[in-house]
């Protein structure tokens, strides 16, 4: 691994471009207690089963490397198919989209990894991140790609790009006082221009309601809206007025309609409104696009079929693979949150 060359422009490619591999991180021992506060191996097994289902499914289409805490390697190998590679490294948590590098292309087509500052989604009082803050560099070292260092506190789930210079993001993430208290909008935009080649910024006001509860990210965009092709945005559409996200997604739609040149595709939320913790943020937007497939969140809900049809049309050259994402959402995220693409060199 070499350090960044500051003279080289970087550009984050779209997720649907060819991948070298997918990176993930195995659920740590804390996931046995995460759902209930008391030791519950059932909760841990639900998490491990969900993470393994995603990794084993993606591995049918492209290489997968799972970062695993040294204490969990034997356990992880029991759940993962033989084709999933394992990289041992200390972990606090398991959300690779956020703790791993954001991969970018250099002007010559080579690949580098942006190492954001990670501080537990805004230094939340329940989070620990000493180990997670080192994962981006560990991944880059293993991938043998240069590191692009950034002074911006950010996570991969807080941005989504079209590969042509436009980025979706939310004001409650990059401008969060717990992340970047001294940064202005202009400073954030300059840093994203430098690191991922962003030229046009679509700032949404906020994310989904549940994402502002105790274990939320304070508004990650990758559960709200995403590009499916240049100029085309899929957005979460909560159509039940009883749900607090009804007003949120109405506003998201209105904001996106104000942006020139966008084609908007609403993706209806699942019919279910609540779980045992309250209003759900179940979202089909939090899918993962890999080589030849879309790994789509499923919720054993009539909305699964609606979303499958919409995404099959949005990604006509890919197979739609449904995986029950409820155990992942119970812990604060979805399938996109636990995956990170490494693009192929051009």
C-alpha atoms as a PDB file:
ATOM      1  CA  UNK A   1       0.000   0.000   0.000  1.00  0.00           C
ATOM      2  CA  UNK A   2       1.186   3.491  -0.787  1.00  0.00           C
ATOM      3  CA  UNK A   3      -0.030   6.843   0.448  1.00  0.00           C
ATOM      4  CA  UNK A   4      -2.177   9.059  -1.700  1.00  0.00           C
ATOM      5  CA  UNK A   5      -0.822  11.210  -4.516  1.00  0.00           C
ATOM      6  CA  UNK A   6      -2.452  14.586  -3.893  1.00  0.00           C
ATOM      7  CA  UNK A   7      -2.105  15.554  -7.557  1.00  0.00           C
ATOM      8  CA  UNK A   8      -4.397  12.761  -8.789  1.00  0.00           C
ATOM      9  CA  UNK A   9      -8.143  13.453  -9.065  1.00  0.00           C
ATOM     10  CA  UNK A  10     -10.385  10.837  -7.498  1.00  0.00           C
ATOM     11  CA  UNK A  11     -13.883   9.801  -8.564  1.00  0.00           C
ATOM     12  CA  UNK A  12     -16.202   7.377  -6.784  1.00  0.00           C
ATOM     13  CA  UNK A  13     -17.769   5.091  -9.399  1.00  0.00           C
ATOM     14  CA  UNK A  14     -21.399   4.071  -9.311  1.00  0.00           C
ATOM     15  CA  UNK A  15     -22.232   0.901  -7.433  1.00  0.00           C
ATOM     16  CA  UNK A  16     -23.452  -0.831 -10.588  1.00  0.00           C
ATOM     17  CA  UNK A  17     -20.066  -0.653 -12.319  1.00  0.00           C
ATOM     18  CA  UNK A  18     -17.930  -3.847 -12.260  1.00  0.00           C
ATOM     19  CA  UNK A  19     -16.584  -4.900  -8.862  1.00  0.00           C
ATOM     20  CA  UNK A  20     -13.307  -6.504  -7.898  1.00  0.00           C
ATOM     21  CA  UNK A  21     -14.926  -7.813  -4.717  1.00  0.00           C
ATOM     22  CA  UNK A  22     -17.272  -7.119  -1.822  1.00  0.00           C
ATOM     23  CA  UNK A  23     -16.063  -6.420   1.722  1.00  0.00           C
ATOM     24  CA  UNK A  24     -18.062  -7.211   4.856  1.00  0.00           C
ATOM     25  CA  UNK A  25     -17.459  -7.449   8.633  1.00  0.00           C
ATOM     26  CA  UNK A  26     -18.656 -10.349  10.795  1.00  0.00           C
ATOM     27  CA  UNK A  27     -21.041  -9.659  13.713  1.00  0.00           C
ATOM     28  CA  UNK A  28     -19.020  -9.431  16.901  1.00  0.00           C
ATOM     29  CA  UNK A  29     -19.885 -11.109  20.193  1.00  0.00           C
ATOM     30  CA  UNK A  30     -21.888  -8.064  21.302  1.00  0.00           C
ATOM     31  CA  UNK A  31     -24.634  -8.985  18.850  1.00  0.00           C
ATOM     32  CA  UNK A  32     -25.775 -11.700  21.252  1.00  0.00           C
ATOM     33  CA  UNK A  33     -27.010  -8.922  23.543  1.00  0.00           C
ATOM     34  CA  UNK A  34     -27.746  -6.110  21.110  1.00  0.00           C
ATOM     35  CA  UNK A  35     -31.459  -6.769  20.702  1.00  0.00           C
ATOM     36  CA  UNK A  36     -32.423  -7.173  24.333  1.00  0.00           C
ATOM     37  CA  UNK A  37     -29.660  -5.987  26.616  1.00  0.00           C
ATOM     38  CA  UNK A  38     -29.311  -9.420  28.225  1.00  0.00           C
ATOM     39  CA  UNK A  39     -27.341 -12.357  26.867  1.00  0.00           C
ATOM     40  CA  UNK A  40     -29.440 -13.846  24.077  1.00  0.00           C
ATOM     41  CA  UNK A  41     -27.579 -16.210  21.793  1.00  0.00           C
ATOM     42  CA  UNK A  42     -30.708 -16.338  19.652  1.00  0.00           C
ATOM     43  CA  UNK A  43     -30.183 -12.675  18.770  1.00  0.00           C
ATOM     44  CA  UNK A  44     -26.561 -13.384  17.939  1.00  0.00           C
ATOM     45  CA  UNK A  45     -27.498 -16.317  15.748  1.00  0.00           C
ATOM     46  CA  UNK A  46     -30.123 -14.249  13.930  1.00  0.00           C
ATOM     47  CA  UNK A  47     -27.476 -11.651  13.136  1.00  0.00           C
ATOM     48  CA  UNK A  48     -24.915 -14.241  12.067  1.00  0.00           C
ATOM     49  CA  UNK A  49     -27.454 -16.005   9.864  1.00  0.00           C
ATOM     50  CA  UNK A  50     -28.390 -12.750   8.141  1.00  0.00           C
ATOM     51  CA  UNK A  51     -24.795 -11.613   7.573  1.00  0.00           C
ATOM     52  CA  UNK A  52     -23.880 -15.089   6.303  1.00  0.00           C
ATOM     53  CA  UNK A  53     -26.878 -15.183   3.961  1.00  0.00           C
ATOM     54  CA  UNK A  54     -25.776 -11.910   2.383  1.00  0.00           C
ATOM     55  CA  UNK A  55     -22.114 -12.951   2.097  1.00  0.00           C
ATOM     56  CA  UNK A  56     -22.899 -16.391   0.700  1.00  0.00           C
ATOM     57  CA  UNK A  57     -25.348 -14.926  -1.820  1.00  0.00           C
ATOM     58  CA  UNK A  58     -22.962 -12.220  -3.049  1.00  0.00           C
ATOM     59  CA  UNK A  59     -20.194 -14.831  -3.341  1.00  0.00           C
ATOM     60  CA  UNK A  60     -22.193 -16.474  -6.146  1.00  0.00           C
ATOM     61  CA  UNK A  61     -21.508 -13.387  -8.250  1.00  0.00           C
ATOM     62  CA  UNK A  62     -18.173 -11.947  -7.105  1.00  0.00           C
ATOM     63  CA  UNK A  63     -15.416 -12.512  -4.541  1.00  0.00           C
ATOM     64  CA  UNK A  64     -16.253 -11.654  -0.914  1.00  0.00           C
ATOM     65  CA  UNK A  65     -13.863 -10.939   1.935  1.00  0.00           C
ATOM     66  CA  UNK A  66     -15.249 -10.970   5.474  1.00  0.00           C
ATOM     67  CA  UNK A  67     -13.291  -9.077   8.145  1.00  0.00           C
ATOM     68  CA  UNK A  68     -13.596 -11.114  11.343  1.00  0.00           C
ATOM     69  CA  UNK A  69     -12.456 -10.335  14.868  1.00  0.00           C
ATOM     70  CA  UNK A  70      -9.799 -12.898  15.881  1.00  0.00           C
ATOM     71  CA  UNK A  71     -12.068 -14.205  18.647  1.00  0.00           C
ATOM     72  CA  UNK A  72     -14.797 -15.069  16.128  1.00  0.00           C
ATOM     73  CA  UNK A  73     -12.865 -16.678  13.258  1.00  0.00           C
ATOM     74  CA  UNK A  74     -13.751 -20.293  14.054  1.00  0.00           C
ATOM     75  CA  UNK A  75     -17.408 -19.374  14.485  1.00  0.00           C
ATOM     76  CA  UNK A  76     -17.524 -17.360  11.255  1.00  0.00           C
ATOM     77  CA  UNK A  77     -16.093 -20.220   9.203  1.00  0.00           C
ATOM     78  CA  UNK A  78     -18.959 -22.423  10.402  1.00  0.00           C
ATOM     79  CA  UNK A  79     -21.502 -20.032   8.872  1.00  0.00           C
ATOM     80  CA  UNK A  80     -19.702 -18.903   5.730  1.00  0.00           C
ATOM     81  CA  UNK A  81     -19.335 -20.870   2.521  1.00  0.00           C
ATOM     82  CA  UNK A  82     -15.830 -21.912   1.564  1.00  0.00           C
ATOM     83  CA  UNK A  83     -15.678 -19.279  -1.169  1.00  0.00           C
ATOM     84  CA  UNK A  84     -15.870 -16.381   1.299  1.00  0.00           C
ATOM     85  CA  UNK A  85     -12.374 -15.242   2.286  1.00  0.00           C
ATOM     86  CA  UNK A  86     -11.660 -14.259   5.895  1.00  0.00           C
ATOM     87  CA  UNK A  87      -9.431 -11.400   7.028  1.00  0.00           C
ATOM     88  CA  UNK A  88      -8.666 -11.306  10.747  1.00  0.00           C
ATOM     89  CA  UNK A  89      -8.718  -7.842  12.356  1.00  0.00           C
ATOM     90  CA  UNK A  90     -10.063  -6.445  15.646  1.00  0.00           C
ATOM     91  CA  UNK A  91     -13.640  -5.143  15.364  1.00  0.00           C
ATOM     92  CA  UNK A  92     -16.005  -3.137  17.520  1.00  0.00           C
ATOM     93  CA  UNK A  93     -18.987  -3.430  15.198  1.00  0.00           C
ATOM     94  CA  UNK A  94     -19.974  -4.940  11.881  1.00  0.00           C
ATOM     95  CA  UNK A  95     -21.226  -2.210   9.521  1.00  0.00           C
ATOM     96  CA  UNK A  96     -18.644  -2.355   6.746  1.00  0.00           C
ATOM     97  CA  UNK A  97     -20.331   0.351   4.669  1.00  0.00           C
ATOM     98  CA  UNK A  98     -19.491   2.801   7.446  1.00  0.00           C
ATOM     99  CA  UNK A  99     -16.226   1.582   8.946  1.00  0.00           C
ATOM    100  CA  UNK A 100     -14.551   0.478   5.728  1.00  0.00           C
ATOM    101  CA  UNK A 101     -12.993   2.597   2.996  1.00  0.00           C
ATOM    102  CA  UNK A 102     -14.980   4.268   0.244  1.00  0.00           C
ATOM    103  CA  UNK A 103     -13.267   3.088  -2.909  1.00  0.00           C
ATOM    104  CA  UNK A 104     -12.534   5.520  -5.732  1.00  0.00           C
ATOM    105  CA  UNK A 105     -10.869   5.534  -9.130  1.00  0.00           C
ATOM    106  CA  UNK A 106      -7.850   7.638  -9.991  1.00  0.00           C
ATOM    107  CA  UNK A 107      -7.649   9.344 -13.368  1.00  0.00           C
ATOM    108  CA  UNK A 108      -5.633   6.398 -14.722  1.00  0.00           C
ATOM    109  CA  UNK A 109      -8.355   3.934 -13.697  1.00  0.00           C
ATOM    110  CA  UNK A 110      -6.501   2.527 -10.704  1.00  0.00           C
ATOM    111  CA  UNK A 111      -8.291   2.132  -7.365  1.00  0.00           C
ATOM    112  CA  UNK A 112      -7.734   3.828  -3.995  1.00  0.00           C
ATOM    113  CA  UNK A 113      -9.670   3.854  -0.726  1.00  0.00           C
ATOM    114  CA  UNK A 114     -10.876   6.951   1.126  1.00  0.00           C
ATOM    115  CA  UNK A 115     -10.286   6.691   4.865  1.00  0.00           C
ATOM    116  CA  UNK A 116     -12.883   8.916   6.541  1.00  0.00           C
ATOM    117  CA  UNK A 117     -12.716   9.706  10.214  1.00  0.00           C
ATOM    118  CA  UNK A 118     -15.101   7.324  11.975  1.00  0.00           C
ATOM    119  CA  UNK A 119     -16.386   8.210  15.448  1.00  0.00           C
ATOM    120  CA  UNK A 120     -19.304   5.898  16.104  1.00  0.00           C
ATOM    121  CA  UNK A 121     -21.966   7.759  14.103  1.00  0.00           C
ATOM    122  CA  UNK A 122     -21.416  11.053  15.860  1.00  0.00           C
ATOM    123  CA  UNK A 123     -19.760   9.863  19.089  1.00  0.00           C
ATOM    124  CA  UNK A 124     -22.917   8.197  20.371  1.00  0.00           C
ATOM    125  CA  UNK A 125     -22.719   7.171  24.010  1.00  0.00           C
ATOM    126  CA  UNK A 126     -23.294   3.463  23.328  1.00  0.00           C
ATOM    127  CA  UNK A 127     -20.682   3.174  20.579  1.00  0.00           C
ATOM    128  CA  UNK A 128     -17.031   2.126  20.708  1.00  0.00           C
ATOM    129  CA  UNK A 129     -14.839   2.627  17.679  1.00  0.00           C
ATOM    130  CA  UNK A 130     -11.118   2.349  18.454  1.00  0.00           C
ATOM    131  CA  UNK A 131     -10.842  -0.850  16.415  1.00  0.00           C
ATOM    132  CA  UNK A 132     -13.374   0.129  13.753  1.00  0.00           C
ATOM    133  CA  UNK A 133     -11.494   3.364  13.056  1.00  0.00           C
ATOM    134  CA  UNK A 134      -8.562   1.230  11.812  1.00  0.00           C
ATOM    135  CA  UNK A 135     -10.545  -1.015   9.476  1.00  0.00           C
ATOM    136  CA  UNK A 136     -10.409   1.209   6.386  1.00  0.00           C
ATOM    137  CA  UNK A 137      -6.619   1.145   6.356  1.00  0.00           C
ATOM    138  CA  UNK A 138      -6.525  -2.599   7.083  1.00  0.00           C
ATOM    139  CA  UNK A 139      -8.818  -3.233   4.129  1.00  0.00           C
ATOM    140  CA  UNK A 140      -6.764  -0.979   1.853  1.00  0.00           C
ATOM    141  CA  UNK A 141      -3.576  -2.744   2.906  1.00  0.00           C
ATOM    142  CA  UNK A 142      -5.052  -6.142   2.121  1.00  0.00           C
ATOM    143  CA  UNK A 143      -6.453  -4.889  -1.181  1.00  0.00           C
ATOM    144  CA  UNK A 144      -3.042  -3.308  -1.963  1.00  0.00           C
ATOM    145  CA  UNK A 145      -4.558   0.061  -2.863  1.00  0.00           C
ATOM    146  CA  UNK A 146      -3.455   3.560  -1.815  1.00  0.00           C
ATOM    147  CA  UNK A 147      -5.187   5.369   1.026  1.00  0.00           C
ATOM    148  CA  UNK A 148      -6.800   8.763   0.446  1.00  0.00           C
ATOM    149  CA  UNK A 149      -6.848  10.333   3.908  1.00  0.00           C
ATOM    150  CA  UNK A 150      -9.737  12.623   4.839  1.00  0.00           C
ATOM    151  CA  UNK A 151     -10.333  14.900   7.818  1.00  0.00           C
ATOM    152  CA  UNK A 152     -14.111  14.629   7.324  1.00  0.00           C
ATOM    153  CA  UNK A 153     -16.041  12.497   9.791  1.00  0.00           C
ATOM    154  CA  UNK A 154     -18.256  10.511   7.471  1.00  0.00           C
ATOM    155  CA  UNK A 155     -19.571   7.051   6.696  1.00  0.00           C
ATOM    156  CA  UNK A 156     -20.195   5.273   3.425  1.00  0.00           C
ATOM    157  CA  UNK A 157     -23.899   4.992   4.227  1.00  0.00           C
ATOM    158  CA  UNK A 158     -24.087   8.770   4.322  1.00  0.00           C
ATOM    159  CA  UNK A 159     -23.410   9.198   0.594  1.00  0.00           C
ATOM    160  CA  UNK A 160     -24.707   7.697  -2.645  1.00  0.00           C
ATOM    161  CA  UNK A 161     -23.311   8.607  -6.069  1.00  0.00           C
ATOM    162  CA  UNK A 162     -24.231   8.246  -9.726  1.00  0.00           C
ATOM    163  CA  UNK A 163     -20.600   7.844 -10.824  1.00  0.00           C
ATOM    164  CA  UNK A 164     -20.791  11.039 -12.870  1.00  0.00           C
ATOM    165  CA  UNK A 165     -20.210  13.577 -10.114  1.00  0.00           C
ATOM    166  CA  UNK A 166     -23.575  13.795  -8.353  1.00  0.00           C
ATOM    167  CA  UNK A 167     -23.941  12.769  -4.710  1.00  0.00           C
ATOM    168  CA  UNK A 168     -26.979  12.316  -2.477  1.00  0.00           C
ATOM    169  CA  UNK A 169     -26.498  13.164   1.197  1.00  0.00           C
ATOM    170  CA  UNK A 170     -28.373  14.481   4.248  1.00  0.00           C
ATOM    171  CA  UNK A 171     -27.755  17.587   6.305  1.00  0.00           C
ATOM    172  CA  UNK A 172     -28.054  15.694   9.591  1.00  0.00           C
ATOM    173  CA  UNK A 173     -25.054  13.466   8.837  1.00  0.00           C
ATOM    174  CA  UNK A 174     -22.116  15.415   7.393  1.00  0.00           C
ATOM    175  CA  UNK A 175     -23.258  18.593   9.204  1.00  0.00           C
ATOM    176  CA  UNK A 176     -23.992  16.732  12.447  1.00  0.00           C
ATOM    177  CA  UNK A 177     -22.443  18.570  15.458  1.00  0.00           C
ATOM    178  CA  UNK A 178     -21.344  15.172  16.757  1.00  0.00           C
ATOM    179  CA  UNK A 179     -19.384  14.544  13.586  1.00  0.00           C
ATOM    180  CA  UNK A 180     -18.166  17.815  12.071  1.00  0.00           C
ATOM    181  CA  UNK A 181     -19.091  20.643  14.468  1.00  0.00           C
ATOM    182  CA  UNK A 182     -16.890  23.267  12.824  1.00  0.00           C
ATOM    183  CA  UNK A 183     -17.614  22.422   9.191  1.00  0.00           C
ATOM    184  CA  UNK A 184     -19.768  24.488   6.867  1.00  0.00           C
ATOM    185  CA  UNK A 185     -21.727  23.137   3.926  1.00  0.00           C
ATOM    186  CA  UNK A 186     -19.108  24.609   1.594  1.00  0.00           C
ATOM    187  CA  UNK A 187     -16.255  22.895   3.449  1.00  0.00           C
ATOM    188  CA  UNK A 188     -18.000  19.529   3.305  1.00  0.00           C
ATOM    189  CA  UNK A 189     -18.613  19.965  -0.409  1.00  0.00           C
ATOM    190  CA  UNK A 190     -14.982  20.878  -1.081  1.00  0.00           C
ATOM    191  CA  UNK A 191     -13.781  17.799   0.771  1.00  0.00           C
ATOM    192  CA  UNK A 192     -16.199  15.536  -1.098  1.00  0.00           C
ATOM    193  CA  UNK A 193     -15.048  17.086  -4.360  1.00  0.00           C
ATOM    194  CA  UNK A 194     -11.451  16.297  -3.433  1.00  0.00           C
ATOM    195  CA  UNK A 195     -12.046  12.758  -2.197  1.00  0.00           C
ATOM    196  CA  UNK A 196     -14.860  11.305  -4.326  1.00  0.00           C
ATOM    197  CA  UNK A 197     -15.027  13.747  -7.253  1.00  0.00           C
ATOM    198  CA  UNK A 198     -18.429  15.175  -6.335  1.00  0.00           C
ATOM    199  CA  UNK A 199     -19.525  18.125  -8.456  1.00  0.00           C
ATOM    200  CA  UNK A 200     -23.256  18.318  -7.757  1.00  0.00           C
ATOM    201  CA  UNK A 201     -24.703  17.931  -4.277  1.00  0.00           C
ATOM    202  CA  UNK A 202     -28.277  16.924  -3.551  1.00  0.00           C
ATOM    203  CA  UNK A 203     -28.754  17.721   0.133  1.00  0.00           C
ATOM    204  CA  UNK A 204     -31.809  16.089   1.653  1.00  0.00           C
ATOM    205  CA  UNK A 205     -32.985  17.617   4.915  1.00  0.00           C
ATOM    206  CA  UNK A 206     -33.059  14.410   6.937  1.00  0.00           C
ATOM    207  CA  UNK A 207     -33.414  10.635   6.990  1.00  0.00           C
ATOM    208  CA  UNK A 208     -36.096   8.261   8.251  1.00  0.00           C
ATOM    209  CA  UNK A 209     -37.656   8.611  11.693  1.00  0.00           C
ATOM    210  CA  UNK A 210     -36.244   5.529  13.389  1.00  0.00           C
ATOM    211  CA  UNK A 211     -32.742   6.457  12.287  1.00  0.00           C
ATOM    212  CA  UNK A 212     -32.791   9.225  14.919  1.00  0.00           C
ATOM    213  CA  UNK A 213     -33.480   6.844  17.791  1.00  0.00           C
ATOM    214  CA  UNK A 214     -30.816   5.473  20.131  1.00  0.00           C
ATOM    215  CA  UNK A 215     -29.057   3.122  17.734  1.00  0.00           C
ATOM    216  CA  UNK A 216     -29.609   5.109  14.546  1.00  0.00           C
ATOM    217  CA  UNK A 217     -27.128   6.868  12.289  1.00  0.00           C
ATOM    218  CA  UNK A 218     -28.879  10.259  12.442  1.00  0.00           C
ATOM    219  CA  UNK A 219     -30.011  10.167   8.863  1.00  0.00           C
ATOM    220  CA  UNK A 220     -28.041   8.002   6.446  1.00  0.00           C
ATOM    221  CA  UNK A 221     -29.173   8.602   2.900  1.00  0.00           C
ATOM    222  CA  UNK A 222     -28.772   4.994   1.724  1.00  0.00           C
ATOM    223  CA  UNK A 223     -32.045   4.000   3.364  1.00  0.00           C
ATOM    224  CA  UNK A 224     -33.894   6.988   1.877  1.00  0.00           C
ATOM    225  CA  UNK A 225     -32.798   7.410  -1.747  1.00  0.00           C
ATOM    226  CA  UNK A 226     -30.260   6.005  -4.183  1.00  0.00           C
ATOM    227  CA  UNK A 227     -29.247   6.184  -7.813  1.00  0.00           C
ATOM    228  CA  UNK A 228     -30.036   3.177 -10.018  1.00  0.00           C
ATOM    229  CA  UNK A 229     -28.501   4.782 -13.124  1.00  0.00           C
ATOM    230  CA  UNK A 230     -27.219   8.270 -13.966  1.00  0.00           C
ATOM    231  CA  UNK A 231     -30.106  10.676 -13.487  1.00  0.00           C
ATOM    232  CA  UNK A 232     -32.471   8.071 -12.012  1.00  0.00           C
ATOM    233  CA  UNK A 233     -33.230   8.051  -8.286  1.00  0.00           C
ATOM    234  CA  UNK A 234     -35.162   5.407  -6.380  1.00  0.00           C
ATOM    235  CA  UNK A 235     -36.700   6.776  -3.178  1.00  0.00           C
ATOM    236  CA  UNK A 236     -38.438   5.278  -0.172  1.00  0.00           C
ATOM    237  CA  UNK A 237     -42.154   6.002  -0.381  1.00  0.00           C
ATOM    238  CA  UNK A 238     -44.109   5.546   2.843  1.00  0.00           C
ATOM    239  CA  UNK A 239     -47.728   5.744   1.746  1.00  0.00           C
ATOM    240  CA  UNK A 240     -49.482   5.215   5.069  1.00  0.00           C
ATOM    241  CA  UNK A 241     -50.312   8.573   6.736  1.00  0.00           C
ATOM    242  CA  UNK A 242     -50.168   6.917  10.164  1.00  0.00           C
ATOM    243  CA  UNK A 243     -46.415   6.405   9.874  1.00  0.00           C
ATOM    244  CA  UNK A 244     -44.191   9.405  10.745  1.00  0.00           C
ATOM    245  CA  UNK A 245     -42.131   8.703   7.629  1.00  0.00           C
ATOM    246  CA  UNK A 246     -45.143   9.601   5.497  1.00  0.00           C
ATOM    247  CA  UNK A 247     -44.342  13.299   5.948  1.00  0.00           C
ATOM    248  CA  UNK A 248     -40.594  12.635   5.671  1.00  0.00           C
ATOM    249  CA  UNK A 249     -40.864  10.891   2.328  1.00  0.00           C
ATOM    250  CA  UNK A 250     -43.334  13.443   1.000  1.00  0.00           C
ATOM    251  CA  UNK A 251     -40.686  16.065   1.664  1.00  0.00           C
ATOM    252  CA  UNK A 252     -37.953  13.913   0.109  1.00  0.00           C
ATOM    253  CA  UNK A 253     -40.032  13.593  -3.032  1.00  0.00           C
ATOM    254  CA  UNK A 254     -40.615  17.351  -3.142  1.00  0.00           C
ATOM    255  CA  UNK A 255     -36.908  18.079  -2.739  1.00  0.00           C
ATOM    256  CA  UNK A 256     -35.930  15.630  -5.468  1.00  0.00           C
ATOM    257  CA  UNK A 257     -38.556  17.052  -7.808  1.00  0.00           C
ATOM    258  CA  UNK A 258     -36.830  20.425  -7.494  1.00  0.00           C
ATOM    259  CA  UNK A 259     -33.590  18.993  -8.942  1.00  0.00           C
ATOM    260  CA  UNK A 260     -33.215  19.395 -12.702  1.00  0.00           C
ATOM    261  CA  UNK A 261     -32.678  16.309 -14.796  1.00  0.00           C
ATOM    262  CA  UNK A 262     -33.767  13.592 -12.368  1.00  0.00           C
ATOM    263  CA  UNK A 263     -36.140  10.746 -13.107  1.00  0.00           C
ATOM    264  CA  UNK A 264     -37.785   9.671  -9.847  1.00  0.00           C
ATOM    265  CA  UNK A 265     -38.993   6.153  -9.101  1.00  0.00           C
ATOM    266  CA  UNK A 266     -40.938   5.711  -5.856  1.00  0.00           C
ATOM    267  CA  UNK A 267     -40.422   2.382  -4.110  1.00  0.00           C
ATOM    268  CA  UNK A 268     -43.359   1.776  -1.754  1.00  0.00           C
ATOM    269  CA  UNK A 269     -42.486   0.890   1.813  1.00  0.00           C
ATOM    270  CA  UNK A 270     -43.569  -2.498   3.153  1.00  0.00           C
ATOM    271  CA  UNK A 271     -47.108  -2.725   4.483  1.00  0.00           C
ATOM    272  CA  UNK A 272     -45.928  -3.399   8.042  1.00  0.00           C
ATOM    273  CA  UNK A 273     -45.702  -0.208  10.088  1.00  0.00           C
ATOM    274  CA  UNK A 274     -44.365  -1.264  13.483  1.00  0.00           C
ATOM    275  CA  UNK A 275     -42.367  -3.903  15.279  1.00  0.00           C
ATOM    276  CA  UNK A 276     -41.916  -4.484  19.006  1.00  0.00           C
ATOM    277  CA  UNK A 277     -39.727  -1.360  19.215  1.00  0.00           C
ATOM    278  CA  UNK A 278     -42.073   1.029  17.408  1.00  0.00           C
ATOM    279  CA  UNK A 279     -42.261   2.500  13.901  1.00  0.00           C
ATOM    280  CA  UNK A 280     -40.102   0.497  11.494  1.00  0.00           C
ATOM    281  CA  UNK A 281     -37.722   1.945   8.942  1.00  0.00           C
ATOM    282  CA  UNK A 282     -37.890  -1.127   6.702  1.00  0.00           C
ATOM    283  CA  UNK A 283     -36.739   0.061   3.296  1.00  0.00           C
ATOM    284  CA  UNK A 284     -36.052  -1.570  -0.048  1.00  0.00           C
ATOM    285  CA  UNK A 285     -33.733   1.313  -0.925  1.00  0.00           C
ATOM    286  CA  UNK A 286     -31.059  -0.284   1.265  1.00  0.00           C
ATOM    287  CA  UNK A 287     -30.227  -2.956  -1.343  1.00  0.00           C
ATOM    288  CA  UNK A 288     -26.797  -3.879  -2.650  1.00  0.00           C
ATOM    289  CA  UNK A 289     -25.851  -3.989  -6.340  1.00  0.00           C
ATOM    290  CA  UNK A 290     -23.133  -6.528  -7.128  1.00  0.00           C
ATOM    291  CA  UNK A 291     -21.900  -8.115 -10.350  1.00  0.00           C
ATOM    292  CA  UNK A 292     -24.941  -9.654 -11.967  1.00  0.00           C
ATOM    293  CA  UNK A 293     -27.364  -9.311  -9.049  1.00  0.00           C
ATOM    294  CA  UNK A 294     -29.215  -7.022  -6.686  1.00  0.00           C
ATOM    295  CA  UNK A 295     -29.304  -8.289  -3.109  1.00  0.00           C
ATOM    296  CA  UNK A 296     -32.668  -6.961  -1.949  1.00  0.00           C
ATOM    297  CA  UNK A 297     -34.004  -6.631   1.580  1.00  0.00           C
ATOM    298  CA  UNK A 298     -37.109  -8.767   2.205  1.00  0.00           C
ATOM    299  CA  UNK A 299     -39.506  -8.488   5.135  1.00  0.00           C
ATOM    300  CA  UNK A 300     -42.018 -11.343   4.585  1.00  0.00           C
ATOM    301  CA  UNK A 301     -44.375  -8.632   3.418  1.00  0.00           C
ATOM    302  CA  UNK A 302     -46.575  -8.025   0.355  1.00  0.00           C
ATOM    303  CA  UNK A 303     -44.248  -5.130  -0.448  1.00  0.00           C
ATOM    304  CA  UNK A 304     -41.464  -7.596  -1.258  1.00  0.00           C
ATOM    305  CA  UNK A 305     -43.148  -8.496  -4.548  1.00  0.00           C
ATOM    306  CA  UNK A 306     -43.763  -4.845  -5.430  1.00  0.00           C
ATOM    307  CA  UNK A 307     -40.147  -3.952  -4.779  1.00  0.00           C
ATOM    308  CA  UNK A 308     -38.860  -6.950  -6.732  1.00  0.00           C
ATOM    309  CA  UNK A 309     -40.811  -5.849  -9.777  1.00  0.00           C
ATOM    310  CA  UNK A 310     -39.610  -2.234  -9.525  1.00  0.00           C
ATOM    311  CA  UNK A 311     -35.957  -3.160  -9.013  1.00  0.00           C
ATOM    312  CA  UNK A 312     -36.030  -5.745 -11.787  1.00  0.00           C
ATOM    313  CA  UNK A 313     -37.052  -2.957 -14.137  1.00  0.00           C
ATOM    314  CA  UNK A 314     -34.485  -0.535 -12.684  1.00  0.00           C
ATOM    315  CA  UNK A 315     -31.669  -3.100 -13.008  1.00  0.00           C
ATOM    316  CA  UNK A 316     -32.724  -5.139 -16.085  1.00  0.00           C
ATOM    317  CA  UNK A 317     -29.400  -6.943 -16.456  1.00  0.00           C
ATOM    318  CA  UNK A 318     -29.320  -8.315 -12.910  1.00  0.00           C
ATOM    319  CA  UNK A 319     -30.962 -11.097 -10.951  1.00  0.00           C
ATOM    320  CA  UNK A 320     -32.986  -9.943  -7.931  1.00  0.00           C
ATOM    321  CA  UNK A 321     -32.059 -11.972  -4.843  1.00  0.00           C
ATOM    322  CA  UNK A 322     -34.284 -11.576  -1.778  1.00  0.00           C
ATOM    323  CA  UNK A 323     -32.857 -12.015   1.727  1.00  0.00           C
ATOM    324  CA  UNK A 324     -34.784 -11.556   4.965  1.00  0.00           C
ATOM    325  CA  UNK A 325     -33.296  -8.340   6.340  1.00  0.00           C
ATOM    326  CA  UNK A 326     -35.385  -8.042   9.508  1.00  0.00           C
ATOM    327  CA  UNK A 327     -32.563  -9.281  11.791  1.00  0.00           C
ATOM    328  CA  UNK A 328     -30.262  -6.650  10.269  1.00  0.00           C
ATOM    329  CA  UNK A 329     -32.811  -3.848  10.621  1.00  0.00           C
ATOM    330  CA  UNK A 330     -33.380  -4.885  14.248  1.00  0.00           C
ATOM    331  CA  UNK A 331     -29.764  -3.884  14.833  1.00  0.00           C
ATOM    332  CA  UNK A 332     -29.961  -0.550  13.023  1.00  0.00           C
ATOM    333  CA  UNK A 333     -29.317  -1.047   9.310  1.00  0.00           C
ATOM    334  CA  UNK A 334     -29.857  -3.114   6.182  1.00  0.00           C
ATOM    335  CA  UNK A 335     -28.067  -5.048   3.477  1.00  0.00           C
ATOM    336  CA  UNK A 336     -26.385  -1.995   1.940  1.00  0.00           C
ATOM    337  CA  UNK A 337     -25.080  -1.044   5.382  1.00  0.00           C
ATOM    338  CA  UNK A 338     -23.167  -4.311   5.844  1.00  0.00           C
ATOM    339  CA  UNK A 339     -21.532  -4.406   2.399  1.00  0.00           C
ATOM    340  CA  UNK A 340     -18.912  -2.283   0.653  1.00  0.00           C
ATOM    341  CA  UNK A 341     -17.934  -2.620  -3.004  1.00  0.00           C
ATOM    342  CA  UNK A 342     -14.374  -2.487  -4.278  1.00  0.00           C
ATOM    343  CA  UNK A 343     -14.634  -1.450  -7.937  1.00  0.00           C
ATOM    344  CA  UNK A 344     -12.521  -3.131 -10.556  1.00  0.00           C
ATOM    345  CA  UNK A 345      -9.646  -1.110 -11.966  1.00  0.00           C
ATOM    346  CA  UNK A 346     -10.509   0.396 -15.343  1.00  0.00           C
END
